[in-house]
Amino acid sequence: MKATMTEDQFKQLLEQNNTTLFGQLSHHFDQRFDALSGDLVSRTDRIFTSVDGIAKRIETDEQERGTINQSKNAKTTGSPSLPKSQTQNSYLNGKAYLHV
């Protein structure tokens, strides 16, 4: 016994197969985009954290420079310098900080 299929049956079967295939592809792409989105967010957060750290170091360096320049200006203008009891050096992460 030979099974035959009409053209309408063939089109219907083809449509079902295409629907299944595109559904699977859509699901796969959604998963990949979600994974890439999470990775992008993670990398962006690391970049922002690094930039924040650099900005903080620049701010600290500017404060140190200002303190040093203020100290130099006080010495060159003949202004009395602070007594040693009011000047304190501290060290943080291998860097010297002058507290006035």
N, C-alpha and C. Protein backbone atom coordinates (compact mmCIF):
# COMPACT_ATOMS: atom_id res chain seq x y z
N MET A 1 0.84 -1.16 0.00
CA MET A 1 0.00 0.00 0.00
C MET A 1 0.90 1.24 0.00
N LYS A 2 0.59 2.08 -0.89
CA LYS A 2 1.36 3.29 -1.08
C LYS A 2 0.61 4.46 -0.46
N ALA A 3 1.36 5.25 0.34
CA ALA A 3 0.72 6.42 0.93
C ALA A 3 1.05 7.62 0.07
N THR A 4 0.04 8.35 -0.27
CA THR A 4 0.25 9.56 -1.06
C THR A 4 -0.24 10.75 -0.26
N MET A 5 0.34 11.87 -0.57
CA MET A 5 0.03 13.11 0.14
C MET A 5 -0.41 14.14 -0.88
N THR A 6 -1.44 14.84 -0.52
CA THR A 6 -1.89 15.89 -1.42
C THR A 6 -1.00 17.11 -1.24
N GLU A 7 -1.14 18.01 -2.15
CA GLU A 7 -0.33 19.23 -2.08
C GLU A 7 -0.67 20.05 -0.84
N ASP A 8 -1.93 20.12 -0.48
CA ASP A 8 -2.34 20.86 0.73
C ASP A 8 -1.77 20.21 1.99
N GLN A 9 -1.78 18.88 2.04
CA GLN A 9 -1.21 18.19 3.19
C GLN A 9 0.30 18.47 3.29
N PHE A 10 0.96 18.45 2.15
CA PHE A 10 2.41 18.71 2.12
C PHE A 10 2.71 20.14 2.60
N LYS A 11 1.93 21.10 2.14
CA LYS A 11 2.13 22.49 2.57
C LYS A 11 1.89 22.64 4.07
N GLN A 12 0.86 21.94 4.58
CA GLN A 12 0.57 22.01 5.99
C GLN A 12 1.72 21.41 6.82
N LEU A 13 2.24 20.28 6.39
CA LEU A 13 3.37 19.64 7.07
C LEU A 13 4.61 20.52 7.01
N LEU A 14 4.85 21.12 5.86
CA LEU A 14 5.99 22.02 5.70
C LEU A 14 5.85 23.24 6.61
N GLU A 15 4.65 23.77 6.70
CA GLU A 15 4.39 24.91 7.58
C GLU A 15 4.63 24.55 9.04
N GLN A 16 4.22 23.38 9.45
CA GLN A 16 4.44 22.92 10.83
C GLN A 16 5.94 22.78 11.13
N ASN A 17 6.65 22.20 10.18
CA ASN A 17 8.10 22.03 10.35
C ASN A 17 8.81 23.39 10.44
N ASN A 18 8.40 24.31 9.58
CA ASN A 18 9.01 25.65 9.61
C ASN A 18 8.72 26.37 10.93
N THR A 19 7.48 26.23 11.41
CA THR A 19 7.10 26.86 12.68
C THR A 19 7.95 26.30 13.82
N THR A 20 8.12 25.00 13.85
CA THR A 20 8.95 24.36 14.88
C THR A 20 10.40 24.84 14.79
N LEU A 21 10.92 24.86 13.59
CA LEU A 21 12.32 25.28 13.38
C LEU A 21 12.53 26.73 13.81
N PHE A 22 11.67 27.62 13.39
CA PHE A 22 11.83 29.03 13.75
C PHE A 22 11.61 29.25 15.25
N GLY A 23 10.74 28.48 15.87
CA GLY A 23 10.56 28.55 17.32
C GLY A 23 11.83 28.16 18.06
N GLN A 24 12.46 27.08 17.59
CA GLN A 24 13.72 26.64 18.21
C GLN A 24 14.83 27.66 18.00
N LEU A 25 14.91 28.20 16.80
CA LEU A 25 15.92 29.22 16.52
C LEU A 25 15.70 30.46 17.38
N SER A 26 14.45 30.88 17.50
CA SER A 26 14.13 32.04 18.31
C SER A 26 14.53 31.82 19.77
N HIS A 27 14.23 30.66 20.28
CA HIS A 27 14.59 30.33 21.67
C HIS A 27 16.12 30.35 21.85
N HIS A 28 16.82 29.76 20.90
CA HIS A 28 18.29 29.74 20.97
C HIS A 28 18.86 31.16 20.94
N PHE A 29 18.38 32.00 20.04
CA PHE A 29 18.88 33.37 19.95
C PHE A 29 18.56 34.16 21.22
N ASP A 30 17.37 33.96 21.78
CA ASP A 30 17.02 34.64 23.03
C ASP A 30 17.99 34.28 24.15
N GLN A 31 18.32 33.01 24.25
CA GLN A 31 19.28 32.57 25.27
C GLN A 31 20.65 33.20 25.05
N ARG A 32 21.10 33.23 23.83
CA ARG A 32 22.42 33.80 23.52
C ARG A 32 22.45 35.30 23.81
N PHE A 33 21.40 36.01 23.41
CA PHE A 33 21.35 37.46 23.66
C PHE A 33 21.31 37.76 25.15
N ASP A 34 20.58 36.95 25.92
CA ASP A 34 20.55 37.14 27.37
C ASP A 34 21.93 36.92 27.98
N ALA A 35 22.63 35.90 27.52
CA ALA A 35 23.98 35.63 28.03
C ALA A 35 24.93 36.77 27.68
N LEU A 36 24.84 37.25 26.45
CA LEU A 36 25.71 38.35 26.03
C LEU A 36 25.38 39.63 26.78
N SER A 37 24.11 39.85 27.04
CA SER A 37 23.70 41.04 27.79
C SER A 37 24.28 41.01 29.20
N GLY A 38 24.20 39.87 29.86
CA GLY A 38 24.77 39.74 31.20
C GLY A 38 26.27 39.96 31.20
N ASP A 39 26.95 39.43 30.20
CA ASP A 39 28.40 39.62 30.08
C ASP A 39 28.74 41.08 29.85
N LEU A 40 27.95 41.75 29.03
CA LEU A 40 28.18 43.17 28.75
C LEU A 40 27.99 44.01 30.01
N VAL A 41 26.96 43.72 30.78
CA VAL A 41 26.72 44.45 32.03
C VAL A 41 27.89 44.24 32.99
N SER A 42 28.37 43.02 33.08
CA SER A 42 29.49 42.71 33.97
C SER A 42 30.74 43.47 33.55
N ARG A 43 31.04 43.49 32.28
CA ARG A 43 32.23 44.20 31.80
C ARG A 43 32.09 45.70 32.00
N THR A 44 30.89 46.23 31.76
CA THR A 44 30.66 47.66 31.95
C THR A 44 30.85 48.04 33.42
N ASP A 45 30.36 47.20 34.33
CA ASP A 45 30.55 47.47 35.76
C ASP A 45 32.03 47.49 36.13
N ARG A 46 32.81 46.56 35.58
CA ARG A 46 34.26 46.54 35.87
C ARG A 46 34.93 47.80 35.33
N ILE A 47 34.52 48.26 34.17
CA ILE A 47 35.11 49.48 33.60
C ILE A 47 34.78 50.68 34.48
N PHE A 48 33.51 50.79 34.89
CA PHE A 48 33.11 51.92 35.75
C PHE A 48 33.86 51.89 37.08
N THR A 49 34.05 50.71 37.65
CA THR A 49 34.80 50.59 38.90
C THR A 49 36.23 51.04 38.71
N SER A 50 36.85 50.67 37.61
CA SER A 50 38.23 51.09 37.33
C SER A 50 38.32 52.60 37.15
N VAL A 51 37.37 53.17 36.40
CA VAL A 51 37.37 54.61 36.18
C VAL A 51 37.16 55.36 37.49
N ASP A 52 36.28 54.85 38.35
CA ASP A 52 36.06 55.47 39.66
C ASP A 52 37.34 55.44 40.50
N GLY A 53 38.06 54.32 40.45
CA GLY A 53 39.32 54.21 41.19
C GLY A 53 40.36 55.20 40.68
N ILE A 54 40.45 55.34 39.38
CA ILE A 54 41.40 56.29 38.79
C ILE A 54 41.03 57.71 39.17
N ALA A 55 39.75 58.03 39.11
CA ALA A 55 39.30 59.39 39.48
C ALA A 55 39.62 59.68 40.94
N LYS A 56 39.45 58.70 41.81
CA LYS A 56 39.75 58.89 43.23
C LYS A 56 41.25 59.13 43.43
N ARG A 57 42.09 58.37 42.72
CA ARG A 57 43.54 58.57 42.83
C ARG A 57 43.95 59.95 42.32
N ILE A 58 43.33 60.39 41.24
CA ILE A 58 43.64 61.73 40.72
C ILE A 58 43.25 62.79 41.74
N GLU A 59 42.09 62.63 42.34
CA GLU A 59 41.63 63.59 43.35
C GLU A 59 42.60 63.61 44.54
N THR A 60 43.03 62.45 44.98
CA THR A 60 43.98 62.37 46.10
C THR A 60 45.30 63.02 45.72
N ASP A 61 45.78 62.76 44.51
CA ASP A 61 47.04 63.37 44.06
C ASP A 61 46.93 64.89 44.01
N GLU A 62 45.78 65.39 43.54
CA GLU A 62 45.59 66.84 43.49
C GLU A 62 45.58 67.44 44.89
N GLN A 63 44.96 66.75 45.83
CA GLN A 63 44.96 67.23 47.21
C GLN A 63 46.38 67.24 47.78
N GLU A 64 47.14 66.20 47.51
CA GLU A 64 48.53 66.15 47.98
C GLU A 64 49.35 67.28 47.37
N ARG A 65 49.19 67.49 46.05
CA ARG A 65 49.92 68.57 45.38
C ARG A 65 49.57 69.93 45.98
N GLY A 66 48.28 70.13 46.26
CA GLY A 66 47.84 71.39 46.86
C GLY A 66 48.46 71.60 48.23
N THR A 67 48.53 70.54 49.02
CA THR A 67 49.15 70.64 50.34
C THR A 67 50.63 70.93 50.22
N ILE A 68 51.31 70.26 49.31
CA ILE A 68 52.75 70.48 49.11
C ILE A 68 52.99 71.91 48.62
N ASN A 69 52.21 72.37 47.65
CA ASN A 69 52.38 73.74 47.14
C ASN A 69 52.09 74.76 48.23
N GLN A 70 51.10 74.50 49.04
CA GLN A 70 50.77 75.41 50.14
C GLN A 70 51.94 75.47 51.13
N SER A 71 52.53 74.33 51.38
CA SER A 71 53.68 74.27 52.29
C SER A 71 54.88 75.00 51.70
N LYS A 72 55.12 74.81 50.40
CA LYS A 72 56.23 75.49 49.73
C LYS A 72 56.01 77.00 49.73
N ASN A 73 54.78 77.43 49.44
CA ASN A 73 54.48 78.86 49.43
C ASN A 73 54.66 79.47 50.80
N ALA A 74 54.31 78.76 51.84
CA ALA A 74 54.46 79.28 53.20
C ALA A 74 55.93 79.46 53.53
N LYS A 75 56.77 78.55 53.05
CA LYS A 75 58.22 78.64 53.33
C LYS A 75 58.86 79.76 52.52
N THR A 76 58.45 79.94 51.26
CA THR A 76 59.09 80.95 50.42
C THR A 76 58.62 82.35 50.75
N THR A 77 57.44 82.50 51.32
CA THR A 77 56.94 83.84 51.64
C THR A 77 57.34 84.26 53.05
N GLY A 78 58.03 83.39 53.74
CA GLY A 78 58.49 83.74 55.08
C GLY A 78 57.43 83.54 56.13
N SER A 79 56.32 82.92 55.77
CA SER A 79 55.28 82.65 56.76
C SER A 79 55.78 81.59 57.73
N PRO A 80 55.40 81.72 58.96
CA PRO A 80 55.85 80.71 59.92
C PRO A 80 55.25 79.36 59.58
N SER A 81 56.05 78.33 59.71
CA SER A 81 55.54 77.00 59.42
C SER A 81 54.87 76.45 60.67
N LEU A 82 54.09 75.43 60.47
CA LEU A 82 53.36 74.83 61.58
C LEU A 82 54.34 74.12 62.50
N PRO A 83 54.09 74.13 63.77
CA PRO A 83 54.94 73.35 64.67
C PRO A 83 54.81 71.87 64.36
N LYS A 84 55.82 71.11 64.71
CA LYS A 84 55.82 69.68 64.37
C LYS A 84 54.63 68.96 64.99
N SER A 85 54.13 69.47 66.10
CA SER A 85 52.99 68.82 66.73
C SER A 85 51.73 68.93 65.88
N GLN A 86 51.67 69.90 64.98
CA GLN A 86 50.50 70.07 64.13
C GLN A 86 50.68 69.46 62.74
N THR A 87 51.82 68.92 62.47
CA THR A 87 52.10 68.29 61.19
C THR A 87 52.25 66.79 61.42
N GLN A 88 51.57 66.01 60.63
CA GLN A 88 51.61 64.58 60.84
C GLN A 88 51.70 63.90 59.47
N ASN A 89 52.64 62.98 59.35
CA ASN A 89 52.74 62.18 58.13
C ASN A 89 52.07 60.85 58.38
N SER A 90 51.34 60.36 57.41
CA SER A 90 50.77 59.02 57.51
C SER A 90 51.03 58.29 56.21
N TYR A 91 50.99 56.96 56.28
CA TYR A 91 51.26 56.14 55.11
C TYR A 91 50.07 55.23 54.86
N LEU A 92 49.62 55.24 53.62
CA LEU A 92 48.50 54.40 53.24
C LEU A 92 48.83 53.78 51.89
N ASN A 93 48.82 52.48 51.83
CA ASN A 93 49.13 51.74 50.60
C ASN A 93 50.47 52.17 50.02
N GLY A 94 51.45 52.40 50.87
CA GLY A 94 52.78 52.73 50.40
C GLY A 94 52.94 54.18 49.97
N LYS A 95 51.93 55.01 50.14
CA LYS A 95 52.01 56.43 49.76
C LYS A 95 52.03 57.26 51.02
N ALA A 96 52.82 58.30 51.02
CA ALA A 96 52.89 59.20 52.15
C ALA A 96 51.85 60.30 51.98
N TYR A 97 51.13 60.60 53.04
CA TYR A 97 50.14 61.66 53.02
C TYR A 97 50.50 62.63 54.12
N LEU A 98 50.46 63.90 53.82
CA LEU A 98 50.78 64.94 54.79
C LEU A 98 49.47 65.54 55.29
N HIS A 99 49.27 65.43 56.61
CA HIS A 99 48.07 65.99 57.23
C HIS A 99 48.46 67.25 57.96
N VAL A 100 47.81 68.34 57.64
CA VAL A 100 48.11 69.63 58.28
C VAL A 100 46.92 70.05 59.12
